[in-house]
Protein backbone atom coordinates (compact mmCIF):
# COMPACT_ATOMS: atom_id res chain seq x y z
CA UNK A 1 -3.73 -25.08 2.24
CA UNK A 2 -4.03 -28.38 1.20
CA UNK A 3 -3.95 -31.26 3.62
CA UNK A 4 -4.16 -28.76 6.74
CA UNK A 5 -7.00 -30.93 7.94
CA UNK A 6 -5.46 -34.35 7.47
CA UNK A 7 -6.73 -34.70 3.79
CA UNK A 8 -3.23 -36.64 2.88
CA UNK A 9 -3.40 -38.68 6.05
CA UNK A 10 -6.82 -40.20 4.53
CA UNK A 11 -5.37 -40.88 1.41
CA UNK A 12 -2.66 -42.76 3.20
CA UNK A 13 -5.27 -44.60 5.08
CA UNK A 14 -6.95 -45.75 2.02
CA UNK A 15 -3.66 -46.86 0.14
CA UNK A 16 -2.77 -48.93 3.24
CA UNK A 17 -6.30 -50.45 2.94
CA UNK A 18 -6.15 -51.34 -0.62
CA UNK A 19 -2.66 -52.46 -0.45
CA UNK A 20 -3.69 -54.71 2.36
CA UNK A 21 -6.49 -56.21 0.16
CA UNK A 22 -4.43 -57.15 -2.73
CA UNK A 23 -1.42 -57.96 -0.82
CA UNK A 24 -0.33 -61.48 -1.63
CA UNK A 25 0.08 -64.23 1.23
CA UNK A 26 4.02 -64.54 1.94
CA UNK A 27 5.09 -67.32 2.71
CA UNK A 28 2.13 -69.58 1.73
CA UNK A 29 1.72 -72.10 4.41
CA UNK A 30 -1.29 -73.45 3.13
CA UNK A 31 -0.02 -76.80 2.05
CA UNK A 32 1.91 -77.32 5.48
CA UNK A 33 0.92 -79.59 8.12
CA UNK A 34 1.53 -76.61 10.30
CA UNK A 35 -1.17 -74.50 8.72
CA UNK A 36 -3.59 -77.71 8.76
CA UNK A 37 -2.69 -78.47 12.45
CA UNK A 38 -3.48 -74.81 13.62
CA UNK A 39 -6.66 -74.44 11.65
CA UNK A 40 -8.91 -74.54 14.79
CA UNK A 41 -6.50 -71.84 16.80
CA UNK A 42 -6.66 -69.65 13.61
CA UNK A 43 -10.36 -69.71 13.35
CA UNK A 44 -10.64 -69.04 17.01
CA UNK A 45 -8.01 -65.75 16.59
CA UNK A 46 -9.80 -64.54 13.62
CA UNK A 47 -13.41 -64.79 15.00
CA UNK A 48 -12.11 -63.38 18.37
CA UNK A 49 -10.24 -60.30 16.43
CA UNK A 50 -12.79 -59.81 13.77
CA UNK A 51 -15.81 -59.56 16.50
CA UNK A 52 -13.59 -57.04 18.48
CA UNK A 53 -12.99 -54.91 15.22
CA UNK A 54 -16.77 -54.94 14.40
CA UNK A 55 -17.76 -53.89 18.23
CA UNK A 56 -14.92 -51.16 18.09
CA UNK A 57 -15.92 -50.28 14.85
CA UNK A 58 -19.79 -50.16 14.93
CA UNK A 59 -19.90 -48.69 18.64
CA UNK A 60 -17.37 -45.84 17.67
CA UNK A 61 -19.17 -44.91 14.92
CA UNK A 62 -22.45 -44.94 16.48
CA UNK A 63 -21.27 -43.02 19.57
CA UNK A 64 -19.84 -40.11 17.25
CA UNK A 65 -22.54 -40.44 14.07
CA UNK A 66 -22.96 -36.46 14.59
CA UNK A 67 -19.35 -35.65 14.45
CA UNK A 68 -18.03 -38.47 11.55
CA UNK A 69 -15.95 -37.25 9.17
CA UNK A 70 -13.24 -39.04 7.29
CA UNK A 71 -10.77 -36.46 8.38
CA UNK A 72 -8.81 -36.50 11.55
CA UNK A 73 -9.59 -32.57 12.27
CA UNK A 74 -12.65 -32.32 14.11
CA UNK A 75 -15.97 -30.85 12.39
CA UNK A 76 -16.94 -27.36 13.79
CA UNK A 77 -19.85 -28.58 15.63
CA UNK A 78 -17.84 -31.31 17.45
CA UNK A 79 -18.24 -32.29 21.09
CA UNK A 80 -15.78 -34.29 23.37
CA UNK A 81 -17.23 -37.98 23.44
CA UNK A 82 -15.83 -40.15 26.40
CA UNK A 83 -18.69 -42.39 27.01
CA UNK A 84 -19.39 -45.76 25.79
CA UNK A 85 -16.74 -47.35 23.75
CA UNK A 86 -14.77 -43.96 24.06
CA UNK A 87 -14.52 -44.78 27.91
CA UNK A 88 -12.48 -47.80 27.05
CA UNK A 89 -10.35 -46.69 23.93
CA UNK A 90 -9.72 -43.07 22.50
CA UNK A 91 -9.56 -44.30 18.89
CA UNK A 92 -11.98 -47.51 18.12
CA UNK A 93 -12.31 -46.62 14.44
CA UNK A 94 -8.73 -46.90 14.32
CA UNK A 95 -8.69 -50.02 16.56
CA UNK A 96 -11.00 -51.76 14.53
CA UNK A 97 -8.99 -51.52 11.36
CA UNK A 98 -5.93 -52.96 13.44
CA UNK A 99 -7.69 -55.63 14.82
CA UNK A 100 -9.20 -56.94 11.45
CA UNK A 101 -5.95 -56.74 10.01
CA UNK A 102 -4.11 -58.53 12.62
CA UNK A 103 -6.77 -61.26 12.44
CA UNK A 104 -5.93 -61.68 8.92
CA UNK A 105 -2.24 -61.74 9.19
CA UNK A 106 -2.68 -64.54 12.11
CA UNK A 107 -5.42 -66.60 10.04
CA UNK A 108 -3.42 -66.40 6.70
CA UNK A 109 -0.11 -66.76 8.59
CA UNK A 110 0.97 -64.08 6.40
CA UNK A 111 4.35 -62.06 7.28
CA UNK A 112 3.49 -59.51 4.32
CA UNK A 113 0.12 -58.67 6.29
CA UNK A 114 1.74 -59.06 9.76
CA UNK A 115 4.38 -56.26 8.59
CA UNK A 116 1.58 -54.30 6.82
CA UNK A 117 -0.36 -54.20 9.94
CA UNK A 118 2.69 -53.07 11.81
CA UNK A 119 3.22 -50.19 9.43
CA UNK A 120 -0.56 -49.68 9.87
CA UNK A 121 -0.12 -49.31 13.63
CA UNK A 122 2.86 -46.74 13.24
CA UNK A 123 0.60 -44.96 10.76
CA UNK A 124 -2.59 -44.54 13.08
CA UNK A 125 -0.47 -43.87 16.27
CA UNK A 126 0.91 -41.01 13.91
CA UNK A 127 -2.66 -40.00 12.59
CA UNK A 128 -4.21 -40.23 16.30
CA UNK A 129 -1.35 -38.29 17.77
CA UNK A 130 -2.23 -35.39 14.78
CA UNK A 131 -5.90 -35.85 15.66
CA UNK A 132 -5.26 -35.43 19.43
CA UNK A 133 -3.57 -32.20 18.85
CA UNK A 134 -6.37 -30.85 17.07
CA UNK A 135 -9.15 -32.19 19.87
CA UNK A 136 -6.93 -30.87 22.62
CA UNK A 137 -6.90 -27.47 21.41
CA UNK A 138 -10.55 -27.45 20.62
CA UNK A 139 -11.23 -29.17 24.20
CA UNK A 140 -8.73 -28.74 26.73
CA UNK A 141 -10.21 -31.58 29.25
CA UNK A 142 -8.82 -33.97 26.38
CA UNK A 143 -5.72 -34.17 27.86
CA UNK A 144 -7.10 -35.42 31.35
CA UNK A 145 -9.18 -37.89 29.28
CA UNK A 146 -6.13 -39.33 27.12
CA UNK A 147 -4.12 -39.91 30.42
CA UNK A 148 -7.24 -42.02 31.92
CA UNK A 149 -7.95 -43.95 28.75
CA UNK A 150 -5.78 -46.25 26.24
CA UNK A 151 -5.42 -45.19 22.60
CA UNK A 152 -6.15 -48.60 20.92
CA UNK A 153 -6.35 -51.32 23.19
CA UNK A 154 -8.72 -51.01 26.04
CA UNK A 155 -6.51 -51.27 29.42
CA UNK A 156 -3.42 -52.58 27.40
CA UNK A 157 -2.37 -49.49 24.96
């Protein structure tokens, strides 16, 4: 049966990414005094959030490289990883995309990108819940891990 391993979720994820990339910045504040006055703050925010995104994505990929797949369904040889970045957050690869998107939304002061980032947050929450169901079936200890470690934002959520 098609979609049984989360194939449609991967397609939706890539669609969200392409939409985000090609979505126009709206409204455009680039010619306003507020935009100019907040340049330093906006740069600090994007550097901070994109650094977090790179760390989360890079470390997340490195720690599960033997089990990494585009599908949320765990591979047959999957083992539960709860160390490294996975001791801080359960879904660092999803987190990295959300941090990067939020950074761009703030930097560009784009409501369209902010709204799409919020939609992506709900999408990743849904996708993570499906993935966690499958992981719990394969690794019963996942339930205890999920109680200890936050989903997307270390120590917060």
